[in-house]
């Protein structure tokens, strides 16, 4: 899978927030060695972004 650019273009919320969320999600997945990473040919950042855009994983801003 490639990075979901079409979903990024359609995204209307804060792009910085979702970028940071994708980075942190990718880090989480790599630390626990999620089997989805290998299925996705080691493209962990694009997998994390896909999960966020499809709302399979949610994020929140800590205050």
C-alpha atoms as a PDB file:
ATOM      1  CA  UNK A   1       0.000   0.000   0.000  1.00  0.00           C
ATOM      2  CA  UNK A   2       1.204   3.497  -0.745  1.00  0.00           C
ATOM      3  CA  UNK A   3       0.567   6.547   1.399  1.00  0.00           C
ATOM      4  CA  UNK A   4      -3.152   7.441   1.181  1.00  0.00           C
ATOM      5  CA  UNK A   5      -2.746  10.776  -0.623  1.00  0.00           C
ATOM      6  CA  UNK A   6      -6.351  10.937  -1.842  1.00  0.00           C
ATOM      7  CA  UNK A   7      -7.561  10.785   1.762  1.00  0.00           C
ATOM      8  CA  UNK A   8      -4.993  13.370   2.792  1.00  0.00           C
ATOM      9  CA  UNK A   9      -6.244  15.797   0.129  1.00  0.00           C
ATOM     10  CA  UNK A  10      -9.847  15.377   1.321  1.00  0.00           C
ATOM     11  CA  UNK A  11      -8.888  15.813   4.990  1.00  0.00           C
ATOM     12  CA  UNK A  12     -10.343  19.039   6.385  1.00  0.00           C
ATOM     13  CA  UNK A  13      -9.117  18.991   9.988  1.00  0.00           C
ATOM     14  CA  UNK A  14      -5.708  20.001  11.301  1.00  0.00           C
ATOM     15  CA  UNK A  15      -3.128  18.324   9.057  1.00  0.00           C
ATOM     16  CA  UNK A  16      -0.368  18.770  11.650  1.00  0.00           C
ATOM     17  CA  UNK A  17      -2.344  16.820  14.250  1.00  0.00           C
ATOM     18  CA  UNK A  18      -2.990  13.838  11.995  1.00  0.00           C
ATOM     19  CA  UNK A  19       0.640  13.836  10.850  1.00  0.00           C
ATOM     20  CA  UNK A  20       1.858  13.657  14.443  1.00  0.00           C
ATOM     21  CA  UNK A  21      -0.781  11.013  15.227  1.00  0.00           C
ATOM     22  CA  UNK A  22       0.352   8.891  12.259  1.00  0.00           C
ATOM     23  CA  UNK A  23       3.966   9.199  13.377  1.00  0.00           C
ATOM     24  CA  UNK A  24       3.151   8.125  16.915  1.00  0.00           C
ATOM     25  CA  UNK A  25       0.920   5.287  15.715  1.00  0.00           C
ATOM     26  CA  UNK A  26       3.689   4.040  13.425  1.00  0.00           C
ATOM     27  CA  UNK A  27       6.100   4.106  16.364  1.00  0.00           C
ATOM     28  CA  UNK A  28       3.632   2.141  18.523  1.00  0.00           C
ATOM     29  CA  UNK A  29       3.158  -0.472  15.829  1.00  0.00           C
ATOM     30  CA  UNK A  30       6.876  -0.893  15.248  1.00  0.00           C
ATOM     31  CA  UNK A  31       7.626  -1.231  18.971  1.00  0.00           C
ATOM     32  CA  UNK A  32       5.129  -4.090  19.422  1.00  0.00           C
ATOM     33  CA  UNK A  33       6.115  -5.622  16.065  1.00  0.00           C
ATOM     34  CA  UNK A  34       2.543  -5.597  14.771  1.00  0.00           C
ATOM     35  CA  UNK A  35       2.099  -8.396  12.184  1.00  0.00           C
ATOM     36  CA  UNK A  36       0.230  -5.971   9.914  1.00  0.00           C
ATOM     37  CA  UNK A  37       3.545  -4.249   9.202  1.00  0.00           C
ATOM     38  CA  UNK A  38       4.962  -7.309   7.469  1.00  0.00           C
ATOM     39  CA  UNK A  39       1.706  -7.795   5.531  1.00  0.00           C
ATOM     40  CA  UNK A  40       2.071  -4.182   4.360  1.00  0.00           C
ATOM     41  CA  UNK A  41       5.656  -4.757   3.091  1.00  0.00           C
ATOM     42  CA  UNK A  42       7.179  -2.830   6.034  1.00  0.00           C
ATOM     43  CA  UNK A  43       5.412   0.429   5.140  1.00  0.00           C
ATOM     44  CA  UNK A  44       4.476   1.257   8.695  1.00  0.00           C
ATOM     45  CA  UNK A  45       3.805   4.995   8.264  1.00  0.00           C
ATOM     46  CA  UNK A  46       1.377   4.494   5.389  1.00  0.00           C
ATOM     47  CA  UNK A  47      -0.357   1.751   7.377  1.00  0.00           C
ATOM     48  CA  UNK A  48      -0.686   4.026  10.405  1.00  0.00           C
ATOM     49  CA  UNK A  49      -2.050   6.858   8.256  1.00  0.00           C
ATOM     50  CA  UNK A  50      -4.551   4.510   6.630  1.00  0.00           C
ATOM     51  CA  UNK A  51      -5.770   3.391  10.061  1.00  0.00           C
ATOM     52  CA  UNK A  52      -6.259   6.996  11.135  1.00  0.00           C
ATOM     53  CA  UNK A  53      -8.028   8.111   7.971  1.00  0.00           C
ATOM     54  CA  UNK A  54     -10.366   5.098   8.064  1.00  0.00           C
ATOM     55  CA  UNK A  55     -10.897   5.748  11.787  1.00  0.00           C
ATOM     56  CA  UNK A  56      -9.801   2.228  12.709  1.00  0.00           C
ATOM     57  CA  UNK A  57      -7.690   3.999  15.341  1.00  0.00           C
ATOM     58  CA  UNK A  58      -8.551   7.310  16.959  1.00  0.00           C
ATOM     59  CA  UNK A  59      -6.385   9.945  18.576  1.00  0.00           C
ATOM     60  CA  UNK A  60      -6.892  12.797  20.981  1.00  0.00           C
ATOM     61  CA  UNK A  61      -4.890  15.812  21.999  1.00  0.00           C
ATOM     62  CA  UNK A  62      -3.696  15.677  25.604  1.00  0.00           C
ATOM     63  CA  UNK A  63      -4.061  18.956  27.429  1.00  0.00           C
END
